[in-house]
Amino acid sequence: QQETQSVVEQIVAGTVADSVVDEKTAEKVTEAINKGQTVTAEIVVKEVEQNKIAQDKKNAIEEKVSDELGEAAKVQYLDVEIVLKAGDEELGTLNKLQEEITITVAIPDELKATYKVIRNHNGVVEVLDTVVNEDGTISFKTDRFSTYALAYADNEETNTNPNPGTPSTDSNKPSTDDSNKDT
């Protein structure tokens, strides 16, 4: 909540960095504030089909997945965005935050595996620390919003020794624990 308020204040003051929001989003946010509207932020996590991922991003992620979990690992691509809104109108997205937030993803019951979350932001591919929660979800922290991959491999197939997951939810739809933030 404070992070979004700080970004909105920076936009109105004209001091927000280009890496945080693009010029068009900044203009729309300023216009909404000048109209007396409240600007809110909503985290949106959605699955992306593999054929919709740029080949260079996909190759970089798959190389990292193979290094971390082996050739047999499977990948589910996710798009994580923070959408700025004024009422029901989407104004644009935040590209980066000053502080990390925690995102939680539900895992299907049948996937008892080792999980890794991989982020490709501006060509930098990183494995994020991933926590398997008691309720079968996994959580990771991030401050950048780009292409993500949820990589997983059966525990017997992995070539590393991370904490194995024991999923117990009945949905594989991504969810967040910071889904709505107001300013």
C-alpha atoms as a PDB file:
ATOM      1  CA  GLN A   1       0.000   0.000   0.000  1.00  0.00           C
ATOM      2  CA  GLN A   2       2.735   2.484   0.950  1.00  0.00           C
ATOM      3  CA  GLU A   3       4.795   1.412  -2.066  1.00  0.00           C
ATOM      4  CA  THR A   4       1.953   2.225  -4.462  1.00  0.00           C
ATOM      5  CA  GLN A   5       1.253   5.536  -2.748  1.00  0.00           C
ATOM      6  CA  SER A   6       4.938   6.427  -3.005  1.00  0.00           C
ATOM      7  CA  VAL A   7       5.009   5.575  -6.724  1.00  0.00           C
ATOM      8  CA  VAL A   8       1.851   7.633  -7.378  1.00  0.00           C
ATOM      9  CA  GLU A   9       3.363  10.589  -5.508  1.00  0.00           C
ATOM     10  CA  GLN A  10       6.561  10.270  -7.570  1.00  0.00           C
ATOM     11  CA  ILE A  11       4.511  10.156 -10.796  1.00  0.00           C
ATOM     12  CA  VAL A  12       2.580  13.312  -9.879  1.00  0.00           C
ATOM     13  CA  ALA A  13       5.818  15.073  -8.868  1.00  0.00           C
ATOM     14  CA  GLY A  14       7.460  13.987 -12.133  1.00  0.00           C
ATOM     15  CA  THR A  15      10.280  12.182 -10.338  1.00  0.00           C
ATOM     16  CA  VAL A  16       9.405   8.537 -11.041  1.00  0.00           C
ATOM     17  CA  ALA A  17      12.089   6.494 -12.810  1.00  0.00           C
ATOM     18  CA  ASP A  18      11.379   5.153 -16.305  1.00  0.00           C
ATOM     19  CA  SER A  19      12.146   1.659 -15.017  1.00  0.00           C
ATOM     20  CA  VAL A  20       9.149   1.870 -12.631  1.00  0.00           C
ATOM     21  CA  VAL A  21       6.404   2.939 -15.095  1.00  0.00           C
ATOM     22  CA  ASP A  22       6.332   3.956 -18.725  1.00  0.00           C
ATOM     23  CA  GLU A  23       5.473   7.502 -19.838  1.00  0.00           C
ATOM     24  CA  LYS A  24       1.936   6.629 -20.975  1.00  0.00           C
ATOM     25  CA  THR A  25       1.091   5.040 -17.604  1.00  0.00           C
ATOM     26  CA  ALA A  26       2.532   8.053 -15.764  1.00  0.00           C
ATOM     27  CA  GLU A  27       0.326  10.385 -17.830  1.00  0.00           C
ATOM     28  CA  LYS A  28      -2.810   8.333 -17.104  1.00  0.00           C
ATOM     29  CA  VAL A  29      -2.055   8.176 -13.364  1.00  0.00           C
ATOM     30  CA  THR A  30      -1.474  11.942 -13.219  1.00  0.00           C
ATOM     31  CA  GLU A  31      -4.726  12.566 -15.082  1.00  0.00           C
ATOM     32  CA  ALA A  32      -6.672  10.283 -12.701  1.00  0.00           C
ATOM     33  CA  ILE A  33      -5.195  11.991  -9.615  1.00  0.00           C
ATOM     34  CA  ASN A  34      -5.977  15.441 -11.069  1.00  0.00           C
ATOM     35  CA  LYS A  35      -9.607  14.280 -11.491  1.00  0.00           C
ATOM     36  CA  GLY A  36      -9.690  13.325  -7.809  1.00  0.00           C
ATOM     37  CA  GLN A  37      -9.792   9.573  -8.490  1.00  0.00           C
ATOM     38  CA  THR A  38      -8.216   6.988  -6.211  1.00  0.00           C
ATOM     39  CA  VAL A  39      -5.474   4.944  -7.857  1.00  0.00           C
ATOM     40  CA  THR A  40      -5.222   1.312  -6.758  1.00  0.00           C
ATOM     41  CA  ALA A  41      -2.778  -1.461  -7.538  1.00  0.00           C
ATOM     42  CA  GLU A  42      -3.776  -5.057  -8.219  1.00  0.00           C
ATOM     43  CA  ILE A  43      -1.387  -7.970  -8.591  1.00  0.00           C
ATOM     44  CA  VAL A  44      -2.319 -10.142 -11.553  1.00  0.00           C
ATOM     45  CA  VAL A  45      -0.696 -13.551 -12.054  1.00  0.00           C
ATOM     46  CA  LYS A  46      -1.683 -15.459 -15.162  1.00  0.00           C
ATOM     47  CA  GLU A  47      -0.399 -18.492 -16.989  1.00  0.00           C
ATOM     48  CA  VAL A  48       1.176 -17.816 -20.379  1.00  0.00           C
ATOM     49  CA  GLU A  49       1.306 -20.384 -23.177  1.00  0.00           C
ATOM     50  CA  GLN A  50       4.851 -21.407 -24.128  1.00  0.00           C
ATOM     51  CA  ASN A  51       4.375 -20.279 -27.734  1.00  0.00           C
ATOM     52  CA  LYS A  52       3.621 -16.738 -26.464  1.00  0.00           C
ATOM     53  CA  ILE A  53       7.061 -16.394 -24.807  1.00  0.00           C
ATOM     54  CA  ALA A  54       9.831 -14.803 -26.876  1.00  0.00           C
ATOM     55  CA  GLN A  55      12.234 -17.535 -27.974  1.00  0.00           C
ATOM     56  CA  ASP A  56      15.308 -15.854 -26.431  1.00  0.00           C
ATOM     57  CA  LYS A  57      13.557 -15.551 -23.040  1.00  0.00           C
ATOM     58  CA  LYS A  58      12.313 -19.118 -23.260  1.00  0.00           C
ATOM     59  CA  ASN A  59      15.788 -20.451 -24.138  1.00  0.00           C
ATOM     60  CA  ALA A  60      17.411 -18.574 -21.227  1.00  0.00           C
ATOM     61  CA  ILE A  61      14.793 -19.818 -18.765  1.00  0.00           C
ATOM     62  CA  GLU A  62      14.942 -23.412 -20.019  1.00  0.00           C
ATOM     63  CA  GLU A  63      18.744 -23.408 -19.729  1.00  0.00           C
ATOM     64  CA  LYS A  64      18.482 -22.234 -16.100  1.00  0.00           C
ATOM     65  CA  VAL A  65      15.750 -24.814 -15.383  1.00  0.00           C
ATOM     66  CA  SER A  66      17.893 -27.596 -16.828  1.00  0.00           C
ATOM     67  CA  ASP A  67      20.865 -26.493 -14.685  1.00  0.00           C
ATOM     68  CA  GLU A  68      18.720 -26.371 -11.538  1.00  0.00           C
ATOM     69  CA  LEU A  69      16.377 -29.353 -11.950  1.00  0.00           C
ATOM     70  CA  GLY A  70      17.680 -31.453 -14.832  1.00  0.00           C
ATOM     71  CA  GLU A  71      16.467 -32.199 -18.345  1.00  0.00           C
ATOM     72  CA  ALA A  72      13.212 -33.841 -17.208  1.00  0.00           C
ATOM     73  CA  ALA A  73      11.927 -30.694 -15.479  1.00  0.00           C
ATOM     74  CA  LYS A  74       8.667 -29.189 -16.646  1.00  0.00           C
ATOM     75  CA  VAL A  75       7.962 -25.465 -16.946  1.00  0.00           C
ATOM     76  CA  GLN A  76       4.794 -23.417 -16.533  1.00  0.00           C
ATOM     77  CA  TYR A  77       5.220 -19.799 -17.651  1.00  0.00           C
ATOM     78  CA  LEU A  78       3.617 -17.013 -15.631  1.00  0.00           C
ATOM     79  CA  ASP A  79       3.140 -13.324 -16.260  1.00  0.00           C
ATOM     80  CA  VAL A  80       3.183 -11.316 -13.029  1.00  0.00           C
ATOM     81  CA  GLU A  81       1.976  -7.723 -13.235  1.00  0.00           C
ATOM     82  CA  ILE A  82       0.975  -4.955 -10.882  1.00  0.00           C
ATOM     83  CA  VAL A  83      -1.867  -3.184 -12.653  1.00  0.00           C
ATOM     84  CA  LEU A  84      -2.635   0.413 -11.669  1.00  0.00           C
ATOM     85  CA  LYS A  85      -6.340   1.264 -11.812  1.00  0.00           C
ATOM     86  CA  ALA A  86      -8.654   4.224 -11.281  1.00  0.00           C
ATOM     87  CA  GLY A  87     -12.017   2.586 -10.564  1.00  0.00           C
ATOM     88  CA  ASP A  88     -12.433  -0.094 -13.245  1.00  0.00           C
ATOM     89  CA  GLU A  89     -10.118   1.635 -15.731  1.00  0.00           C
ATOM     90  CA  GLU A  90      -6.642   0.138 -16.167  1.00  0.00           C
ATOM     91  CA  LEU A  91      -4.019   2.879 -16.289  1.00  0.00           C
ATOM     92  CA  GLY A  92      -0.960   0.704 -16.910  1.00  0.00           C
ATOM     93  CA  THR A  93       1.479  -1.446 -14.992  1.00  0.00           C
ATOM     94  CA  LEU A  94       4.324  -1.042 -12.542  1.00  0.00           C
ATOM     95  CA  ASN A  95       7.546  -2.607 -13.790  1.00  0.00           C
ATOM     96  CA  LYS A  96       9.485  -2.547 -10.544  1.00  0.00           C
ATOM     97  CA  LEU A  97       9.047  -1.906  -6.815  1.00  0.00           C
ATOM     98  CA  GLN A  98      11.502  -0.548  -4.273  1.00  0.00           C
ATOM     99  CA  GLU A  99      10.697  -3.416  -1.890  1.00  0.00           C
ATOM    100  CA  GLU A 100       9.917  -7.076  -2.472  1.00  0.00           C
ATOM    101  CA  ILE A 101       6.428  -8.496  -2.106  1.00  0.00           C
ATOM    102  CA  THR A 102       5.547 -12.155  -1.546  1.00  0.00           C
ATOM    103  CA  ILE A 103       3.561 -13.982  -4.211  1.00  0.00           C
ATOM    104  CA  THR A 104       1.955 -17.344  -3.456  1.00  0.00           C
ATOM    105  CA  VAL A 105       1.061 -19.895  -6.153  1.00  0.00           C
ATOM    106  CA  ALA A 106      -1.260 -22.886  -5.670  1.00  0.00           C
ATOM    107  CA  ILE A 107       0.082 -26.269  -6.756  1.00  0.00           C
ATOM    108  CA  PRO A 108      -2.096 -29.197  -7.923  1.00  0.00           C
ATOM    109  CA  ASP A 109      -2.393 -32.237  -5.616  1.00  0.00           C
ATOM    110  CA  GLU A 110      -0.862 -34.578  -8.160  1.00  0.00           C
ATOM    111  CA  LEU A 111       2.393 -32.616  -8.422  1.00  0.00           C
ATOM    112  CA  LYS A 112       4.618 -33.831  -5.636  1.00  0.00           C
ATOM    113  CA  ALA A 113       7.812 -32.331  -6.890  1.00  0.00           C
ATOM    114  CA  THR A 114      10.721 -29.984  -6.327  1.00  0.00           C
ATOM    115  CA  TYR A 115       9.906 -26.424  -7.385  1.00  0.00           C
ATOM    116  CA  LYS A 116      11.932 -23.449  -8.558  1.00  0.00           C
ATOM    117  CA  VAL A 117      10.713 -20.020  -9.636  1.00  0.00           C
ATOM    118  CA  ILE A 118      12.805 -18.448 -12.369  1.00  0.00           C
ATOM    119  CA  ARG A 119      12.513 -14.784 -13.393  1.00  0.00           C
ATOM    120  CA  ASN A 120      13.702 -13.288 -16.681  1.00  0.00           C
ATOM    121  CA  HIS A 121      13.749  -9.503 -16.217  1.00  0.00           C
ATOM    122  CA  ASN A 122      15.489  -7.386 -18.866  1.00  0.00           C
ATOM    123  CA  GLY A 123      17.501 -10.404 -20.006  1.00  0.00           C
ATOM    124  CA  VAL A 124      18.747 -11.336 -16.517  1.00  0.00           C
ATOM    125  CA  VAL A 125      17.630 -14.855 -15.572  1.00  0.00           C
ATOM    126  CA  GLU A 126      17.549 -15.593 -11.839  1.00  0.00           C
ATOM    127  CA  VAL A 127      16.347 -18.424  -9.630  1.00  0.00           C
ATOM    128  CA  LEU A 128      14.280 -16.936  -6.801  1.00  0.00           C
ATOM    129  CA  ASP A 129      14.145 -18.391  -3.317  1.00  0.00           C
ATOM    130  CA  THR A 130      11.005 -20.535  -3.171  1.00  0.00           C
ATOM    131  CA  VAL A 131       9.231 -21.706  -0.020  1.00  0.00           C
ATOM    132  CA  VAL A 132       6.879 -24.691   0.012  1.00  0.00           C
ATOM    133  CA  ASN A 133       4.078 -23.824   2.441  1.00  0.00           C
ATOM    134  CA  GLU A 134       2.197 -26.289   4.654  1.00  0.00           C
ATOM    135  CA  ASP A 135      -1.013 -25.710   2.666  1.00  0.00           C
ATOM    136  CA  GLY A 136       0.635 -26.977  -0.540  1.00  0.00           C
ATOM    137  CA  THR A 137       1.233 -23.561  -2.085  1.00  0.00           C
ATOM    138  CA  ILE A 138       4.639 -22.133  -2.883  1.00  0.00           C
ATOM    139  CA  SER A 139       5.743 -18.561  -2.218  1.00  0.00           C
ATOM    140  CA  PHE A 140       8.482 -16.351  -3.599  1.00  0.00           C
ATOM    141  CA  LYS A 141       9.500 -12.718  -3.173  1.00  0.00           C
ATOM    142  CA  THR A 142      10.042 -10.300  -6.027  1.00  0.00           C
ATOM    143  CA  ASP A 143      10.326  -6.610  -6.796  1.00  0.00           C
ATOM    144  CA  ARG A 144      10.423  -6.891 -10.609  1.00  0.00           C
ATOM    145  CA  PHE A 145       7.601  -7.860 -12.929  1.00  0.00           C
ATOM    146  CA  SER A 146       8.351  -9.719 -16.128  1.00  0.00           C
ATOM    147  CA  THR A 147       8.348 -13.274 -17.382  1.00  0.00           C
ATOM    148  CA  TYR A 148       8.386 -15.971 -14.712  1.00  0.00           C
ATOM    149  CA  ALA A 149       8.601 -19.726 -14.945  1.00  0.00           C
ATOM    150  CA  LEU A 150       7.399 -22.197 -12.354  1.00  0.00           C
ATOM    151  CA  ALA A 151       9.719 -25.145 -12.925  1.00  0.00           C
ATOM    152  CA  TYR A 152       9.201 -28.500 -11.305  1.00  0.00           C
ATOM    153  CA  ALA A 153      10.564 -32.012 -11.446  1.00  0.00           C
ATOM    154  CA  ASP A 154       9.596 -35.222  -9.712  1.00  0.00           C
ATOM    155  CA  ASN A 155      11.749 -35.522  -6.613  1.00  0.00           C
ATOM    156  CA  GLU A 156      13.461 -38.624  -8.005  1.00  0.00           C
ATOM    157  CA  GLU A 157      14.433 -36.777 -11.208  1.00  0.00           C
ATOM    158  CA  THR A 158      16.145 -33.728  -9.751  1.00  0.00           C
ATOM    159  CA  ASN A 159      19.871 -33.243  -9.836  1.00  0.00           C
ATOM    160  CA  THR A 160      19.906 -30.882  -6.855  1.00  0.00           C
ATOM    161  CA  ASN A 161      18.875 -31.242  -3.232  1.00  0.00           C
ATOM    162  CA  PRO A 162      16.256 -28.507  -2.586  1.00  0.00           C
ATOM    163  CA  ASN A 163      13.284 -28.915  -0.243  1.00  0.00           C
ATOM    164  CA  PRO A 164      10.671 -31.192  -1.815  1.00  0.00           C
ATOM    165  CA  GLY A 165       7.080 -30.006  -1.918  1.00  0.00           C
ATOM    166  CA  THR A 166       4.019 -31.851  -0.733  1.00  0.00           C
ATOM    167  CA  PRO A 167       1.216 -29.979  -2.465  1.00  0.00           C
ATOM    168  CA  SER A 168      -2.300 -30.307  -1.048  1.00  0.00           C
ATOM    169  CA  THR A 169      -4.409 -27.736  -2.897  1.00  0.00           C
ATOM    170  CA  ASP A 170      -6.914 -28.638  -5.583  1.00  0.00           C
ATOM    171  CA  SER A 171      -6.179 -25.817  -8.039  1.00  0.00           C
ATOM    172  CA  ASN A 172      -3.198 -25.014 -10.217  1.00  0.00           C
ATOM    173  CA  LYS A 173      -4.351 -21.459 -10.834  1.00  0.00           C
ATOM    174  CA  PRO A 174      -1.776 -18.955  -9.609  1.00  0.00           C
ATOM    175  CA  SER A 175      -2.875 -16.740  -6.739  1.00  0.00           C
ATOM    176  CA  THR A 176      -1.324 -13.982  -4.682  1.00  0.00           C
ATOM    177  CA  ASP A 177      -1.422 -13.016  -1.064  1.00  0.00           C
ATOM    178  CA  ASP A 178      -0.966  -9.306  -1.844  1.00  0.00           C
ATOM    179  CA  SER A 179      -3.725  -9.149  -4.451  1.00  0.00           C
ATOM    180  CA  ASN A 180      -5.189  -5.689  -3.830  1.00  0.00           C
ATOM    181  CA  LYS A 181      -3.359  -2.624  -2.644  1.00  0.00           C
ATOM    182  CA  ASP A 182      -4.922   0.830  -2.391  1.00  0.00           C
ATOM    183  CA  THR A 183      -3.311   4.249  -2.311  1.00  0.00           C
END
